[in-house]
Amino acid sequence: MSTQTAAAMPADAHAASEVSLDLILDVGVTLALEIGRTRIKVRDLLQLSAGSILELDRLAGEPLDVLVNGVRVARGEVVVVNDNFGVRLTEVVSPRERIEGVR
């Protein structure tokens, strides 16, 4: 783009430079809810069975992370509504923090 400012650009050129969200509304993303992490040896992983307990790096009651394509976009808490699990968002990451998380 030249050194012209957006205000000095003709209206049709300015409109063409804006990104339309309609272009990405049908793009699939991976949404993950992370309650914690742990490191485990393969030997121990292979010994896990139903009822096994893993210690995670968070305490009970701490908020979980909401990740989109591996980038934290929010934090929340697990809720149960009509016998279904859900997540109540308690904090949404600012756009600046999200962009920094992608880098």
PDB file of N, CA and C in Angstrom:
ATOM      1  N   MET A   1       0.843  -1.158   0.000  1.00  0.00           N
ATOM      2  CA  MET A   1       0.000   0.000   0.000  1.00  0.00           C
ATOM      3  C   MET A   1       0.895   1.229   0.000  1.00  0.00           C
ATOM      4  N   SER A   2       0.437   2.296  -0.602  1.00  0.00           N
ATOM      5  CA  SER A   2       1.230   3.516  -0.657  1.00  0.00           C
ATOM      6  C   SER A   2       1.210   4.205   0.688  1.00  0.00           C
ATOM      7  N   THR A   3       1.831   5.362   0.751  1.00  0.00           N
ATOM      8  CA  THR A   3       1.915   6.087   2.017  1.00  0.00           C
ATOM      9  C   THR A   3       0.656   6.873   2.309  1.00  0.00           C
ATOM     10  N   GLN A   4      -0.404   6.758   1.477  1.00  0.00           N
ATOM     11  CA  GLN A   4      -1.658   7.443   1.749  1.00  0.00           C
ATOM     12  C   GLN A   4      -2.259   6.893   3.024  1.00  0.00           C
ATOM     13  N   THR A   5      -2.909   7.751   3.793  1.00  0.00           N
ATOM     14  CA  THR A   5      -3.614   7.280   4.976  1.00  0.00           C
ATOM     15  C   THR A   5      -4.970   6.770   4.551  1.00  0.00           C
ATOM     16  N   ALA A   6      -5.620   5.998   5.428  1.00  0.00           N
ATOM     17  CA  ALA A   6      -6.937   5.449   5.118  1.00  0.00           C
ATOM     18  C   ALA A   6      -7.934   6.572   4.864  1.00  0.00           C
ATOM     19  N   ALA A   7      -7.803   7.695   5.575  1.00  0.00           N
ATOM     20  CA  ALA A   7      -8.733   8.806   5.390  1.00  0.00           C
ATOM     21  C   ALA A   7      -8.564   9.433   4.018  1.00  0.00           C
ATOM     22  N   ALA A   8      -7.376   9.386   3.434  1.00  0.00           N
ATOM     23  CA  ALA A   8      -7.124  10.010   2.144  1.00  0.00           C
ATOM     24  C   ALA A   8      -7.449   9.082   0.990  1.00  0.00           C
ATOM     25  N   MET A   9      -7.725   7.799   1.272  1.00  0.00           N
ATOM     26  CA  MET A   9      -8.019   6.839   0.223  1.00  0.00           C
ATOM     27  C   MET A   9      -9.448   7.045  -0.268  1.00  0.00           C
ATOM     28  N   PRO A  10      -9.727   6.793  -1.538  1.00  0.00           N
ATOM     29  CA  PRO A  10     -11.104   6.840  -2.028  1.00  0.00           C
ATOM     30  C   PRO A  10     -11.960   5.839  -1.260  1.00  0.00           C
ATOM     31  N   ALA A  11     -13.250   6.104  -1.150  1.00  0.00           N
ATOM     32  CA  ALA A  11     -14.158   5.273  -0.353  1.00  0.00           C
ATOM     33  C   ALA A  11     -14.169   3.826  -0.816  1.00  0.00           C
ATOM     34  N   ASP A  12     -14.181   3.588  -2.149  1.00  0.00           N
ATOM     35  CA  ASP A  12     -14.234   2.207  -2.623  1.00  0.00           C
ATOM     36  C   ASP A  12     -12.937   1.455  -2.338  1.00  0.00           C
ATOM     37  N   ALA A  13     -11.809   2.122  -2.371  1.00  0.00           N
ATOM     38  CA  ALA A  13     -10.539   1.483  -2.050  1.00  0.00           C
ATOM     39  C   ALA A  13     -10.473   1.146  -0.564  1.00  0.00           C
ATOM     40  N   HIS A  14     -10.999   2.037   0.281  1.00  0.00           N
ATOM     41  CA  HIS A  14     -11.012   1.793   1.733  1.00  0.00           C
ATOM     42  C   HIS A  14     -11.914   0.603   2.050  1.00  0.00           C
ATOM     43  N   ALA A  15     -13.076   0.530   1.417  1.00  0.00           N
ATOM     44  CA  ALA A  15     -14.006  -0.567   1.660  1.00  0.00           C
ATOM     45  C   ALA A  15     -13.394  -1.896   1.224  1.00  0.00           C
ATOM     46  N   ALA A  16     -12.661  -1.889   0.121  1.00  0.00           N
ATOM     47  CA  ALA A  16     -12.046  -3.120  -0.369  1.00  0.00           C
ATOM     48  C   ALA A  16     -10.948  -3.608   0.555  1.00  0.00           C
ATOM     49  N   SER A  17     -10.326  -2.701   1.311  1.00  0.00           N
ATOM     50  CA  SER A  17      -9.235  -3.105   2.193  1.00  0.00           C
ATOM     51  C   SER A  17      -9.740  -3.685   3.513  1.00  0.00           C
ATOM     52  N   GLU A  18     -11.014  -3.491   3.846  1.00  0.00           N
ATOM     53  CA  GLU A  18     -11.575  -4.043   5.074  1.00  0.00           C
ATOM     54  C   GLU A  18     -11.824  -5.532   4.897  1.00  0.00           C
ATOM     55  N   VAL A  19     -11.565  -6.294   5.934  1.00  0.00           N
ATOM     56  CA  VAL A  19     -11.768  -7.741   5.882  1.00  0.00           C
ATOM     57  C   VAL A  19     -13.197  -8.045   6.310  1.00  0.00           C
ATOM     58  N   SER A  20     -13.866  -8.851   5.542  1.00  0.00           N
ATOM     59  CA  SER A  20     -15.233  -9.253   5.864  1.00  0.00           C
ATOM     60  C   SER A  20     -15.205 -10.553   6.654  1.00  0.00           C
ATOM     61  N   LEU A  21     -15.883 -10.574   7.789  1.00  0.00           N
ATOM     62  CA  LEU A  21     -15.956 -11.791   8.596  1.00  0.00           C
ATOM     63  C   LEU A  21     -16.726 -12.896   7.880  1.00  0.00           C
ATOM     64  N   ASP A  22     -17.553 -12.523   6.908  1.00  0.00           N
ATOM     65  CA  ASP A  22     -18.311 -13.528   6.175  1.00  0.00           C
ATOM     66  C   ASP A  22     -17.390 -14.553   5.511  1.00  0.00           C
ATOM     67  N   LEU A  23     -16.175 -14.159   5.198  1.00  0.00           N
ATOM     68  CA  LEU A  23     -15.238 -15.064   4.534  1.00  0.00           C
ATOM     69  C   LEU A  23     -14.796 -16.215   5.431  1.00  0.00           C
ATOM     70  N   ILE A  24     -14.837 -16.027   6.738  1.00  0.00           N
ATOM     71  CA  ILE A  24     -14.306 -17.055   7.643  1.00  0.00           C
ATOM     72  C   ILE A  24     -15.356 -17.696   8.544  1.00  0.00           C
ATOM     73  N   LEU A  25     -16.625 -17.319   8.414  1.00  0.00           N
ATOM     74  CA  LEU A  25     -17.645 -17.832   9.327  1.00  0.00           C
ATOM     75  C   LEU A  25     -17.810 -19.348   9.266  1.00  0.00           C
ATOM     76  N   ASP A  26     -17.509 -19.984   8.152  1.00  0.00           N
ATOM     77  CA  ASP A  26     -17.671 -21.434   8.025  1.00  0.00           C
ATOM     78  C   ASP A  26     -16.363 -22.203   8.186  1.00  0.00           C
ATOM     79  N   VAL A  27     -15.298 -21.540   8.614  1.00  0.00           N
ATOM     80  CA  VAL A  27     -14.014 -22.204   8.825  1.00  0.00           C
ATOM     81  C   VAL A  27     -14.076 -22.975  10.146  1.00  0.00           C
ATOM     82  N   GLY A  28     -13.679 -24.222  10.110  1.00  0.00           N
ATOM     83  CA  GLY A  28     -13.682 -25.051  11.318  1.00  0.00           C
ATOM     84  C   GLY A  28     -12.477 -24.754  12.201  1.00  0.00           C
ATOM     85  N   VAL A  29     -12.688 -24.789  13.500  1.00  0.00           N
ATOM     86  CA  VAL A  29     -11.609 -24.614  14.476  1.00  0.00           C
ATOM     87  C   VAL A  29     -11.740 -25.710  15.528  1.00  0.00           C
ATOM     88  N   THR A  30     -10.649 -25.964  16.231  1.00  0.00           N
ATOM     89  CA  THR A  30     -10.660 -26.941  17.313  1.00  0.00           C
ATOM     90  C   THR A  30     -10.839 -26.211  18.635  1.00  0.00           C
ATOM     91  N   LEU A  31     -11.907 -26.540  19.340  1.00  0.00           N
ATOM     92  CA  LEU A  31     -12.192 -25.945  20.642  1.00  0.00           C
ATOM     93  C   LEU A  31     -11.885 -26.989  21.703  1.00  0.00           C
ATOM     94  N   ALA A  32     -11.049 -26.627  22.672  1.00  0.00           N
ATOM     95  CA  ALA A  32     -10.681 -27.560  23.739  1.00  0.00           C
ATOM     96  C   ALA A  32     -10.895 -26.887  25.086  1.00  0.00           C
ATOM     97  N   LEU A  33     -11.321 -27.649  26.051  1.00  0.00           N
ATOM     98  CA  LEU A  33     -11.487 -27.175  27.419  1.00  0.00           C
ATOM     99  C   LEU A  33     -10.466 -27.914  28.264  1.00  0.00           C
ATOM    100  N   GLU A  34      -9.525 -27.179  28.808  1.00  0.00           N
ATOM    101  CA  GLU A  34      -8.420 -27.799  29.538  1.00  0.00           C
ATOM    102  C   GLU A  34      -8.578 -27.565  31.028  1.00  0.00           C
ATOM    103  N   ILE A  35      -8.687 -28.654  31.776  1.00  0.00           N
ATOM    104  CA  ILE A  35      -8.816 -28.533  33.226  1.00  0.00           C
ATOM    105  C   ILE A  35      -7.469 -28.645  33.930  1.00  0.00           C
ATOM    106  N   GLY A  36      -6.455 -29.062  33.212  1.00  0.00           N
ATOM    107  CA  GLY A  36      -5.123 -29.170  33.794  1.00  0.00           C
ATOM    108  C   GLY A  36      -4.231 -30.028  32.922  1.00  0.00           C
ATOM    109  N   ARG A  37      -2.959 -30.081  33.314  1.00  0.00           N
ATOM    110  CA  ARG A  37      -1.969 -30.871  32.576  1.00  0.00           C
ATOM    111  C   ARG A  37      -1.104 -31.656  33.563  1.00  0.00           C
ATOM    112  N   THR A  38      -0.470 -32.676  33.024  1.00  0.00           N
ATOM    113  CA  THR A  38       0.513 -33.431  33.799  1.00  0.00           C
ATOM    114  C   THR A  38       1.478 -34.088  32.823  1.00  0.00           C
ATOM    115  N   ARG A  39       2.648 -34.421  33.301  1.00  0.00           N
ATOM    116  CA  ARG A  39       3.618 -35.184  32.504  1.00  0.00           C
ATOM    117  C   ARG A  39       3.653 -36.576  33.097  1.00  0.00           C
ATOM    118  N   ILE A  40       3.686 -37.559  32.221  1.00  0.00           N
ATOM    119  CA  ILE A  40       3.653 -38.940  32.673  1.00  0.00           C
ATOM    120  C   ILE A  40       4.537 -39.774  31.753  1.00  0.00           C
ATOM    121  N   LYS A  41       5.186 -40.767  32.310  1.00  0.00           N
ATOM    122  CA  LYS A  41       6.020 -41.669  31.514  1.00  0.00           C
ATOM    123  C   LYS A  41       5.118 -42.650  30.772  1.00  0.00           C
ATOM    124  N   VAL A  42       5.566 -43.090  29.611  1.00  0.00           N
ATOM    125  CA  VAL A  42       4.798 -44.040  28.804  1.00  0.00           C
ATOM    126  C   VAL A  42       4.496 -45.293  29.618  1.00  0.00           C
ATOM    127  N   ARG A  43       5.451 -45.743  30.408  1.00  0.00           N
ATOM    128  CA  ARG A  43       5.263 -46.933  31.249  1.00  0.00           C
ATOM    129  C   ARG A  43       4.036 -46.753  32.146  1.00  0.00           C
ATOM    130  N   ASP A  44       3.930 -45.571  32.772  1.00  0.00           N
ATOM    131  CA  ASP A  44       2.803 -45.302  33.673  1.00  0.00           C
ATOM    132  C   ASP A  44       1.505 -45.108  32.889  1.00  0.00           C
ATOM    133  N   LEU A  45       1.605 -44.509  31.713  1.00  0.00           N
ATOM    134  CA  LEU A  45       0.430 -44.293  30.877  1.00  0.00           C
ATOM    135  C   LEU A  45      -0.201 -45.626  30.479  1.00  0.00           C
ATOM    136  N   LEU A  46       0.631 -46.591  30.140  1.00  0.00           N
ATOM    137  CA  LEU A  46       0.127 -47.899  29.719  1.00  0.00           C
ATOM    138  C   LEU A  46      -0.523 -48.676  30.859  1.00  0.00           C
ATOM    139  N   GLN A  47      -0.246 -48.292  32.088  1.00  0.00           N
ATOM    140  CA  GLN A  47      -0.826 -48.979  33.244  1.00  0.00           C
ATOM    141  C   GLN A  47      -2.145 -48.375  33.699  1.00  0.00           C
ATOM    142  N   LEU A  48      -2.586 -47.268  33.060  1.00  0.00           N
ATOM    143  CA  LEU A  48      -3.847 -46.642  33.447  1.00  0.00           C
ATOM    144  C   LEU A  48      -5.021 -47.525  33.066  1.00  0.00           C
ATOM    145  N   SER A  49      -6.051 -47.507  33.898  1.00  0.00           N
ATOM    146  CA  SER A  49      -7.275 -48.254  33.618  1.00  0.00           C
ATOM    147  C   SER A  49      -8.448 -47.457  34.175  1.00  0.00           C
ATOM    148  N   ALA A  50      -9.638 -47.959  33.963  1.00  0.00           N
ATOM    149  CA  ALA A  50     -10.827 -47.291  34.497  1.00  0.00           C
ATOM    150  C   ALA A  50     -10.672 -47.121  36.004  1.00  0.00           C
ATOM    151  N   GLY A  51     -10.907 -45.924  36.475  1.00  0.00           N
ATOM    152  CA  GLY A  51     -10.786 -45.639  37.902  1.00  0.00           C
ATOM    153  C   GLY A  51      -9.438 -45.077  38.303  1.00  0.00           C
ATOM    154  N   SER A  52      -8.462 -45.065  37.378  1.00  0.00           N
ATOM    155  CA  SER A  52      -7.149 -44.485  37.681  1.00  0.00           C
ATOM    156  C   SER A  52      -7.302 -42.986  37.927  1.00  0.00           C
ATOM    157  N   ILE A  53      -6.441 -42.448  38.756  1.00  0.00           N
ATOM    158  CA  ILE A  53      -6.469 -41.022  39.079  1.00  0.00           C
ATOM    159  C   ILE A  53      -5.144 -40.404  38.678  1.00  0.00           C
ATOM    160  N   LEU A  54      -5.216 -39.288  37.960  1.00  0.00           N
ATOM    161  CA  LEU A  54      -4.029 -38.533  37.571  1.00  0.00           C
ATOM    162  C   LEU A  54      -4.024 -37.204  38.303  1.00  0.00           C
ATOM    163  N   GLU A  55      -2.890 -36.830  38.851  1.00  0.00           N
ATOM    164  CA  GLU A  55      -2.766 -35.534  39.508  1.00  0.00           C
ATOM    165  C   GLU A  55      -2.434 -34.487  38.449  1.00  0.00           C
ATOM    166  N   LEU A  56      -3.218 -33.415  38.410  1.00  0.00           N
ATOM    167  CA  LEU A  56      -3.020 -32.354  37.438  1.00  0.00           C
ATOM    168  C   LEU A  56      -2.329 -31.162  38.082  1.00  0.00           C
ATOM    169  N   ASP A  57      -1.916 -30.212  37.254  1.00  0.00           N
ATOM    170  CA  ASP A  57      -1.182 -29.055  37.748  1.00  0.00           C
ATOM    171  C   ASP A  57      -2.080 -27.943  38.273  1.00  0.00           C
ATOM    172  N   ARG A  58      -3.351 -28.215  38.497  1.00  0.00           N
ATOM    173  CA  ARG A  58      -4.286 -27.218  39.031  1.00  0.00           C
ATOM    174  C   ARG A  58      -5.020 -27.798  40.225  1.00  0.00           C
ATOM    175  N   LEU A  59      -5.496 -26.895  41.052  1.00  0.00           N
ATOM    176  CA  LEU A  59      -6.273 -27.305  42.215  1.00  0.00           C
ATOM    177  C   LEU A  59      -7.738 -27.451  41.840  1.00  0.00           C
ATOM    178  N   ALA A  60      -8.464 -28.256  42.586  1.00  0.00           N
ATOM    179  CA  ALA A  60      -9.907 -28.391  42.369  1.00  0.00           C
ATOM    180  C   ALA A  60     -10.554 -27.023  42.551  1.00  0.00           C
ATOM    181  N   GLY A  61     -11.465 -26.693  41.675  1.00  0.00           N
ATOM    182  CA  GLY A  61     -12.167 -25.415  41.764  1.00  0.00           C
ATOM    183  C   GLY A  61     -11.531 -24.292  40.964  1.00  0.00           C
ATOM    184  N   GLU A  62     -10.298 -24.487  40.484  1.00  0.00           N
ATOM    185  CA  GLU A  62      -9.672 -23.451  39.652  1.00  0.00           C
ATOM    186  C   GLU A  62     -10.367 -23.418  38.302  1.00  0.00           C
ATOM    187  N   PRO A  63     -10.382 -22.253  37.652  1.00  0.00           N
ATOM    188  CA  PRO A  63     -11.036 -22.181  36.342  1.00  0.00           C
ATOM    189  C   PRO A  63     -10.307 -23.008  35.294  1.00  0.00           C
ATOM    190  N   LEU A  64     -11.064 -23.477  34.305  1.00  0.00           N
ATOM    191  CA  LEU A  64     -10.457 -24.203  33.199  1.00  0.00           C
ATOM    192  C   LEU A  64     -10.170 -23.225  32.070  1.00  0.00           C
ATOM    193  N   ASP A  65      -9.268 -23.597  31.174  1.00  0.00           N
ATOM    194  CA  ASP A  65      -8.926 -22.762  30.027  1.00  0.00           C
ATOM    195  C   ASP A  65      -9.757 -23.193  28.826  1.00  0.00           C
ATOM    196  N   VAL A  66     -10.238 -22.221  28.061  1.00  0.00           N
ATOM    197  CA  VAL A  66     -10.925 -22.468  26.802  1.00  0.00           C
ATOM    198  C   VAL A  66      -9.924 -22.134  25.705  1.00  0.00           C
ATOM    199  N   LEU A  67      -9.549 -23.151  24.925  1.00  0.00           N
ATOM    200  CA  LEU A  67      -8.541 -22.988  23.888  1.00  0.00           C
ATOM    201  C   LEU A  67      -9.176 -23.144  22.505  1.00  0.00           C
ATOM    202  N   VAL A  68      -8.803 -22.265  21.582  1.00  0.00           N
ATOM    203  CA  VAL A  68      -9.201 -22.397  20.181  1.00  0.00           C
ATOM    204  C   VAL A  68      -7.921 -22.561  19.384  1.00  0.00           C
ATOM    205  N   ASN A  69      -7.797 -23.710  18.728  1.00  0.00           N
ATOM    206  CA  ASN A  69      -6.571 -24.061  17.995  1.00  0.00           C
ATOM    207  C   ASN A  69      -5.334 -23.891  18.861  1.00  0.00           C
ATOM    208  N   GLY A  70      -5.445 -24.266  20.136  1.00  0.00           N
ATOM    209  CA  GLY A  70      -4.309 -24.233  21.046  1.00  0.00           C
ATOM    210  C   GLY A  70      -4.027 -22.895  21.689  1.00  0.00           C
ATOM    211  N   VAL A  71      -4.822 -21.871  21.390  1.00  0.00           N
ATOM    212  CA  VAL A  71      -4.612 -20.530  21.951  1.00  0.00           C
ATOM    213  C   VAL A  71      -5.714 -20.245  22.964  1.00  0.00           C
ATOM    214  N   ARG A  72      -5.326 -19.839  24.190  1.00  0.00           N
ATOM    215  CA  ARG A  72      -6.322 -19.541  25.229  1.00  0.00           C
ATOM    216  C   ARG A  72      -7.108 -18.301  24.843  1.00  0.00           C
ATOM    217  N   VAL A  73      -8.436 -18.443  24.786  1.00  0.00           N
ATOM    218  CA  VAL A  73      -9.303 -17.314  24.461  1.00  0.00           C
ATOM    219  C   VAL A  73     -10.196 -16.935  25.631  1.00  0.00           C
ATOM    220  N   ALA A  74     -10.308 -17.833  26.623  1.00  0.00           N
ATOM    221  CA  ALA A  74     -11.173 -17.539  27.767  1.00  0.00           C
ATOM    222  C   ALA A  74     -10.852 -18.499  28.902  1.00  0.00           C
ATOM    223  N   ARG A  75     -11.422 -18.195  30.065  1.00  0.00           N
ATOM    224  CA  ARG A  75     -11.394 -19.093  31.221  1.00  0.00           C
ATOM    225  C   ARG A  75     -12.829 -19.259  31.680  1.00  0.00           C
ATOM    226  N   GLY A  76     -13.119 -20.371  32.308  1.00  0.00           N
ATOM    227  CA  GLY A  76     -14.488 -20.599  32.740  1.00  0.00           C
ATOM    228  C   GLY A  76     -14.584 -21.664  33.799  1.00  0.00           C
ATOM    229  N   GLU A  77     -15.828 -21.988  34.129  1.00  0.00           N
ATOM    230  CA  GLU A  77     -16.084 -23.006  35.135  1.00  0.00           C
ATOM    231  C   GLU A  77     -17.118 -23.983  34.591  1.00  0.00           C
ATOM    232  N   VAL A  78     -17.007 -25.222  35.018  1.00  0.00           N
ATOM    233  CA  VAL A  78     -17.936 -26.263  34.574  1.00  0.00           C
ATOM    234  C   VAL A  78     -19.266 -26.066  35.280  1.00  0.00           C
ATOM    235  N   VAL A  79     -20.346 -26.184  34.513  1.00  0.00           N
ATOM    236  CA  VAL A  79     -21.700 -26.118  35.062  1.00  0.00           C
ATOM    237  C   VAL A  79     -22.482 -27.319  34.555  1.00  0.00           C
ATOM    238  N   VAL A  80     -23.536 -27.668  35.267  1.00  0.00           N
ATOM    239  CA  VAL A  80     -24.422 -28.744  34.839  1.00  0.00           C
ATOM    240  C   VAL A  80     -25.817 -28.146  34.679  1.00  0.00           C
ATOM    241  N   VAL A  81     -26.387 -28.310  33.483  1.00  0.00           N
ATOM    242  CA  VAL A  81     -27.731 -27.810  33.189  1.00  0.00           C
ATOM    243  C   VAL A  81     -28.540 -28.968  32.613  1.00  0.00           C
ATOM    244  N   ASN A  82     -29.597 -29.348  33.304  1.00  0.00           N
ATOM    245  CA  ASN A  82     -30.451 -30.457  32.851  1.00  0.00           C
ATOM    246  C   ASN A  82     -29.629 -31.711  32.537  1.00  0.00           C
ATOM    247  N   ASP A  83     -28.745 -32.084  33.435  1.00  0.00           N
ATOM    248  CA  ASP A  83     -27.893 -33.268  33.298  1.00  0.00           C
ATOM    249  C   ASP A  83     -26.890 -33.183  32.143  1.00  0.00           C
ATOM    250  N   ASN A  84     -26.669 -32.007  31.587  1.00  0.00           N
ATOM    251  CA  ASN A  84     -25.660 -31.796  30.551  1.00  0.00           C
ATOM    252  C   ASN A  84     -24.563 -30.892  31.109  1.00  0.00           C
ATOM    253  N   PHE A  85     -23.322 -31.209  30.744  1.00  0.00           N
ATOM    254  CA  PHE A  85     -22.207 -30.362  31.150  1.00  0.00           C
ATOM    255  C   PHE A  85     -22.100 -29.166  30.211  1.00  0.00           C
ATOM    256  N   GLY A  86     -21.658 -28.061  30.762  1.00  0.00           N
ATOM    257  CA  GLY A  86     -21.415 -26.863  29.975  1.00  0.00           C
ATOM    258  C   GLY A  86     -20.304 -26.067  30.619  1.00  0.00           C
ATOM    259  N   VAL A  87     -19.984 -24.939  30.036  1.00  0.00           N
ATOM    260  CA  VAL A  87     -18.949 -24.059  30.582  1.00  0.00           C
ATOM    261  C   VAL A  87     -19.511 -22.648  30.670  1.00  0.00           C
ATOM    262  N   ARG A  88     -19.387 -22.055  31.832  1.00  0.00           N
ATOM    263  CA  ARG A  88     -19.742 -20.649  32.027  1.00  0.00           C
ATOM    264  C   ARG A  88     -18.451 -19.857  31.914  1.00  0.00           C
ATOM    265  N   LEU A  89     -18.377 -18.965  30.925  1.00  0.00           N
ATOM    266  CA  LEU A  89     -17.173 -18.151  30.750  1.00  0.00           C
ATOM    267  C   LEU A  89     -17.115 -17.101  31.842  1.00  0.00           C
ATOM    268  N   THR A  90     -15.988 -17.030  32.519  1.00  0.00           N
ATOM    269  CA  THR A  90     -15.806 -16.054  33.596  1.00  0.00           C
ATOM    270  C   THR A  90     -14.829 -14.954  33.206  1.00  0.00           C
ATOM    271  N   GLU A  91     -14.027 -15.206  32.188  1.00  0.00           N
ATOM    272  CA  GLU A  91     -13.031 -14.231  31.735  1.00  0.00           C
ATOM    273  C   GLU A  91     -12.758 -14.491  30.257  1.00  0.00           C
ATOM    274  N   VAL A  92     -12.794 -13.441  29.455  1.00  0.00           N
ATOM    275  CA  VAL A  92     -12.457 -13.559  28.041  1.00  0.00           C
ATOM    276  C   VAL A  92     -11.143 -12.827  27.828  1.00  0.00           C
ATOM    277  N   VAL A  93     -10.208 -13.482  27.158  1.00  0.00           N
ATOM    278  CA  VAL A  93      -8.888 -12.914  26.921  1.00  0.00           C
ATOM    279  C   VAL A  93      -9.020 -11.751  25.945  1.00  0.00           C
ATOM    280  N   SER A  94      -8.297 -10.681  26.197  1.00  0.00           N
ATOM    281  CA  SER A  94      -8.362  -9.511  25.325  1.00  0.00           C
ATOM    282  C   SER A  94      -7.810  -9.852  23.943  1.00  0.00           C
ATOM    283  N   PRO A  95      -8.280  -9.150  22.900  1.00  0.00           N
ATOM    284  CA  PRO A  95      -7.766  -9.416  21.558  1.00  0.00           C
ATOM    285  C   PRO A  95      -6.245  -9.301  21.475  1.00  0.00           C
ATOM    286  N   ARG A  96      -5.669  -8.364  22.193  1.00  0.00           N
ATOM    287  CA  ARG A  96      -4.207  -8.195  22.172  1.00  0.00           C
ATOM    288  C   ARG A  96      -3.512  -9.442  22.718  1.00  0.00           C
ATOM    289  N   GLU A  97      -4.010  -9.967  23.845  1.00  0.00           N
ATOM    290  CA  GLU A  97      -3.423 -11.180  24.436  1.00  0.00           C
ATOM    291  C   GLU A  97      -3.591 -12.382  23.511  1.00  0.00           C
ATOM    292  N   ARG A  98      -4.752 -12.477  22.815  1.00  0.00           N
ATOM    293  CA  ARG A  98      -4.974 -13.590  21.885  1.00  0.00           C
ATOM    294  C   ARG A  98      -3.966 -13.555  20.750  1.00  0.00           C
ATOM    295  N   ILE A  99      -3.718 -12.362  20.210  1.00  0.00           N
ATOM    296  CA  ILE A  99      -2.767 -12.230  19.114  1.00  0.00           C
ATOM    297  C   ILE A  99      -1.365 -12.599  19.583  1.00  0.00           C
ATOM    298  N   GLU A 100      -0.994 -12.178  20.793  1.00  0.00           N
ATOM    299  CA  GLU A 100       0.316 -12.524  21.329  1.00  0.00           C
ATOM    300  C   GLU A 100       0.434 -14.028  21.551  1.00  0.00           C
ATOM    301  N   GLY A 101      -0.676 -14.691  21.890  1.00  0.00           N
ATOM    302  CA  GLY A 101      -0.664 -16.128  22.098  1.00  0.00           C
ATOM    303  C   GLY A 101      -0.444 -16.917  20.820  1.00  0.00           C
ATOM    304  N   VAL A 102      -0.798 -16.322  19.682  1.00  0.00           N
ATOM    305  CA  VAL A 102      -0.629 -16.987  18.388  1.00  0.00           C
ATOM    306  C   VAL A 102       0.835 -16.943  17.961  1.00  0.00           C
ATOM    307  N   ARG A 103       1.554 -15.904  18.331  1.00  0.00           N
ATOM    308  CA  ARG A 103       2.959 -15.747  17.906  1.00  0.00           C
ATOM    309  C   ARG A 103       3.855 -16.776  18.494  1.00  0.00           C
TER     310      ARG A 103
END
